[in-house]
C-alpha cells in the first residue's frame, strides 16, 4: 500500500458520552486509518489543528463483527480508534467547540 498522508490518517471524530466527558481533560477521540501508527496520528493532529500539541496517543483496534443476512455470513469492516491527549498549554480542537 502507498504511504499514508497526514490528511488520510484521521477519518472522523467519535462523538459519544464517554468521549465528550474526556474533553474536559483535553482527550479527543478519532476514528483513524487502520494502518496508521501513533507517530502518524500525532503528526496528523498537530498539522490539521493549529495550536494543538499532542502529549500522548492511545490506540485501539476493533475487529469486524460477524453479521448474517439469511444464509449468508459476512463481516463488517475492522476499525481503529485513537484517543489523543493534548498538553496543558495547547489550544482546544475547534470541531468539538460547539458540542
Protein backbone atom coordinates (compact mmCIF):
# COMPACT_ATOMS: atom_id res chain seq x y z
CA UNK A 1 0.00 0.00 0.00
CA UNK A 2 1.14 3.55 -0.67
CA UNK A 3 2.38 5.75 2.13
CA UNK A 4 -0.40 7.27 4.21
CA UNK A 5 -0.51 11.08 4.09
CA UNK A 6 -1.43 13.08 7.19
CA UNK A 7 -4.82 14.10 5.78
CA UNK A 8 -5.71 10.41 5.23
CA UNK A 9 -4.96 9.38 8.81
CA UNK A 10 -7.90 10.94 10.69
CA UNK A 11 -11.22 9.74 9.27
CA UNK A 12 -13.78 11.30 11.65
CA UNK A 13 -14.29 12.26 15.29
CA UNK A 14 -16.07 9.88 17.66
CA UNK A 15 -18.91 11.62 19.47
CA UNK A 16 -20.18 9.60 22.44
CA UNK A 17 -20.90 10.39 26.07
CA UNK A 18 -17.60 8.92 27.15
CA UNK A 19 -15.59 10.85 24.56
CA UNK A 20 -17.38 14.10 25.49
CA UNK A 21 -16.53 13.57 29.16
CA UNK A 22 -12.85 13.15 28.21
CA UNK A 23 -12.74 16.54 26.51
CA UNK A 24 -12.59 18.29 29.89
CA UNK A 25 -9.20 16.56 30.35
CA UNK A 26 -8.16 17.52 26.78
CA UNK A 27 -8.67 13.97 25.47
CA UNK A 28 -10.16 13.72 21.98
CA UNK A 29 -11.28 10.53 20.24
CA UNK A 30 -10.97 9.92 16.50
CA UNK A 31 -11.58 7.08 14.06
CA UNK A 32 -8.27 6.67 12.22
CA UNK A 33 -6.88 4.71 9.28
CA UNK A 34 -6.38 1.04 10.31
CA UNK A 35 -2.73 1.04 9.24
CA UNK A 36 -1.74 4.35 10.88
CA UNK A 37 0.66 4.22 13.80
CA UNK A 38 0.91 6.51 16.83
CA UNK A 39 3.53 8.85 15.36
CA UNK A 40 1.48 9.33 12.18
CA UNK A 41 -1.61 10.11 14.28
CA UNK A 42 0.34 12.63 16.36
CA UNK A 43 1.68 14.35 13.22
CA UNK A 44 -1.78 14.47 11.63
CA UNK A 45 -3.42 16.08 14.67
CA UNK A 46 -0.68 18.70 15.01
CA UNK A 47 -0.82 19.57 11.30
CA UNK A 48 -4.61 19.58 10.91
CA UNK A 49 -5.44 21.56 14.05
CA UNK A 50 -3.29 24.65 14.63
CA UNK A 51 -2.01 25.18 18.15
CA UNK A 52 -2.61 21.57 19.20
CA UNK A 53 0.38 19.88 20.86
CA UNK A 54 -0.04 16.16 21.44
CA UNK A 55 1.14 14.71 24.73
CA UNK A 56 0.04 11.08 24.27
CA UNK A 57 -1.76 8.83 21.79
CA UNK A 58 -3.59 5.62 22.77
CA UNK A 59 -4.92 3.35 20.02
CA UNK A 60 -7.45 0.51 19.93
CA UNK A 61 -8.07 -1.98 17.14
CA UNK A 62 -11.67 -3.10 16.80
CA UNK A 63 -12.26 -6.28 14.83
CA UNK A 64 -15.21 -6.56 12.47
CA UNK A 65 -18.41 -8.12 13.78
CA UNK A 66 -19.91 -11.27 12.29
CA UNK A 67 -23.17 -10.46 10.53
CA UNK A 68 -25.73 -12.67 8.84
CA UNK A 69 -28.33 -11.96 6.20
CA UNK A 70 -30.39 -15.05 5.54
CA UNK A 71 -27.99 -17.94 4.97
CA UNK A 72 -25.05 -15.71 4.01
CA UNK A 73 -22.42 -14.85 6.62
CA UNK A 74 -20.05 -11.91 6.44
CA UNK A 75 -18.01 -9.47 8.49
CA UNK A 76 -18.18 -5.72 8.95
CA UNK A 77 -15.02 -3.70 8.37
CA UNK A 78 -12.37 -3.51 11.08
CA UNK A 79 -11.70 -0.09 12.55
CA UNK A 80 -9.08 1.68 14.62
CA UNK A 81 -9.81 4.28 17.27
CA UNK A 82 -7.31 6.75 18.74
CA UNK A 83 -7.57 8.77 21.94
CA UNK A 84 -5.33 11.82 21.67
CA UNK A 85 -4.36 13.72 24.82
CA UNK A 86 -3.17 17.29 24.36
CA UNK A 87 -0.69 19.15 26.56
CA UNK A 88 -1.90 21.68 29.12
CA UNK A 89 -0.68 24.74 27.15
CA UNK A 90 -2.11 23.69 23.76
CA UNK A 91 -5.27 25.08 22.20
CA UNK A 92 -8.52 23.10 22.17
CA UNK A 93 -9.66 21.48 18.92
CA UNK A 94 -12.33 23.67 17.29
CA UNK A 95 -14.54 20.94 15.80
CA UNK A 96 -15.62 19.97 19.31
CA UNK A 97 -16.22 23.54 20.50
CA UNK A 98 -19.97 23.75 19.85
CA UNK A 99 -20.83 20.32 21.26
